[in-house]
């Protein structure tokens, strides 16, 4: 394991989620350089947070109608 703060359990959970929900293969994930993986995970986290916020705002607008 290249990054000491990433537990083996977290690695498997993250890989499963990326394969299941974002259509990445295990081969693609294993081919990532550790720092490259961290960048993609950070970008994905930001994207999910932005989408969640957008959905919350959309639901608030619908609730006020």
C-alpha atoms as a PDB file:
ATOM      1  CA  UNK A   1       0.000   0.000   0.000  1.00  0.00           C
ATOM      2  CA  UNK A   2       1.561   3.251  -1.101  1.00  0.00           C
ATOM      3  CA  UNK A   3      -0.318   5.672   1.143  1.00  0.00           C
ATOM      4  CA  UNK A   4      -0.131   4.944   4.835  1.00  0.00           C
ATOM      5  CA  UNK A   5      -3.324   6.860   5.674  1.00  0.00           C
ATOM      6  CA  UNK A   6      -5.388   4.668   3.334  1.00  0.00           C
ATOM      7  CA  UNK A   7      -6.408   1.457   5.118  1.00  0.00           C
ATOM      8  CA  UNK A   8      -6.818  -1.751   3.189  1.00  0.00           C
ATOM      9  CA  UNK A   9     -10.543  -1.795   3.995  1.00  0.00           C
ATOM     10  CA  UNK A  10     -10.956   1.765   2.727  1.00  0.00           C
ATOM     11  CA  UNK A  11      -9.046   0.891  -0.430  1.00  0.00           C
ATOM     12  CA  UNK A  12     -11.416  -2.002  -1.201  1.00  0.00           C
ATOM     13  CA  UNK A  13     -14.517   0.058  -0.395  1.00  0.00           C
ATOM     14  CA  UNK A  14     -13.331   2.942  -2.566  1.00  0.00           C
ATOM     15  CA  UNK A  15     -12.377   0.680  -5.455  1.00  0.00           C
ATOM     16  CA  UNK A  16     -15.736  -1.101  -5.263  1.00  0.00           C
ATOM     17  CA  UNK A  17     -17.597   2.212  -5.291  1.00  0.00           C
ATOM     18  CA  UNK A  18     -15.595   3.517  -8.240  1.00  0.00           C
ATOM     19  CA  UNK A  19     -16.213   0.315 -10.173  1.00  0.00           C
ATOM     20  CA  UNK A  20     -19.917   0.098  -9.291  1.00  0.00           C
ATOM     21  CA  UNK A  21     -20.956   3.737  -9.610  1.00  0.00           C
ATOM     22  CA  UNK A  22     -18.407   5.260 -11.980  1.00  0.00           C
ATOM     23  CA  UNK A  23     -17.746   2.380 -14.385  1.00  0.00           C
ATOM     24  CA  UNK A  24     -14.007   2.131 -13.776  1.00  0.00           C
ATOM     25  CA  UNK A  25     -12.283  -1.219 -14.000  1.00  0.00           C
ATOM     26  CA  UNK A  26      -9.997  -2.675 -11.370  1.00  0.00           C
ATOM     27  CA  UNK A  27      -7.238  -2.660 -13.975  1.00  0.00           C
ATOM     28  CA  UNK A  28      -7.687   1.086 -14.477  1.00  0.00           C
ATOM     29  CA  UNK A  29      -7.676   1.711 -10.728  1.00  0.00           C
ATOM     30  CA  UNK A  30      -4.599  -0.437 -10.150  1.00  0.00           C
ATOM     31  CA  UNK A  31      -2.812   1.429 -12.939  1.00  0.00           C
ATOM     32  CA  UNK A  32      -3.125   4.792 -11.221  1.00  0.00           C
ATOM     33  CA  UNK A  33      -0.043   6.289  -9.624  1.00  0.00           C
ATOM     34  CA  UNK A  34      -0.758   6.907  -5.896  1.00  0.00           C
ATOM     35  CA  UNK A  35      -0.706  10.705  -6.203  1.00  0.00           C
ATOM     36  CA  UNK A  36      -2.830  10.479  -9.365  1.00  0.00           C
ATOM     37  CA  UNK A  37      -5.381   8.382  -7.464  1.00  0.00           C
ATOM     38  CA  UNK A  38      -5.486  10.999  -4.692  1.00  0.00           C
ATOM     39  CA  UNK A  39      -6.143  13.774  -7.221  1.00  0.00           C
ATOM     40  CA  UNK A  40      -8.981  11.855  -8.884  1.00  0.00           C
ATOM     41  CA  UNK A  41     -10.544  10.982  -5.524  1.00  0.00           C
ATOM     42  CA  UNK A  42     -10.343  14.625  -4.426  1.00  0.00           C
ATOM     43  CA  UNK A  43     -11.985  15.775  -7.664  1.00  0.00           C
ATOM     44  CA  UNK A  44     -14.680  13.122  -7.338  1.00  0.00           C
ATOM     45  CA  UNK A  45     -15.383  14.154  -3.750  1.00  0.00           C
ATOM     46  CA  UNK A  46     -15.740  17.801  -4.816  1.00  0.00           C
ATOM     47  CA  UNK A  47     -18.052  16.809  -7.658  1.00  0.00           C
ATOM     48  CA  UNK A  48     -20.294  14.742  -5.367  1.00  0.00           C
ATOM     49  CA  UNK A  49     -20.460  17.560  -2.800  1.00  0.00           C
ATOM     50  CA  UNK A  50     -21.394  20.083  -5.515  1.00  0.00           C
ATOM     51  CA  UNK A  51     -24.056  17.758  -6.927  1.00  0.00           C
ATOM     52  CA  UNK A  52     -25.519  17.172  -3.468  1.00  0.00           C
ATOM     53  CA  UNK A  53     -25.677  20.922  -2.876  1.00  0.00           C
ATOM     54  CA  UNK A  54     -27.296  21.489  -6.278  1.00  0.00           C
ATOM     55  CA  UNK A  55     -29.915  18.832  -5.510  1.00  0.00           C
ATOM     56  CA  UNK A  56     -30.612  20.348  -2.092  1.00  0.00           C
ATOM     57  CA  UNK A  57     -31.121  23.781  -3.654  1.00  0.00           C
ATOM     58  CA  UNK A  58     -33.359  22.322  -6.342  1.00  0.00           C
ATOM     59  CA  UNK A  59     -35.452  20.544  -3.695  1.00  0.00           C
ATOM     60  CA  UNK A  60     -35.752  23.775  -1.695  1.00  0.00           C
ATOM     61  CA  UNK A  61     -37.026  25.593  -4.786  1.00  0.00           C
ATOM     62  CA  UNK A  62     -39.560  22.861  -5.467  1.00  0.00           C
ATOM     63  CA  UNK A  63     -40.677  22.932  -1.829  1.00  0.00           C
ATOM     64  CA  UNK A  64     -41.336  26.687  -1.991  1.00  0.00           C
ATOM     65  CA  UNK A  65     -43.605  26.431  -5.027  1.00  0.00           C
END
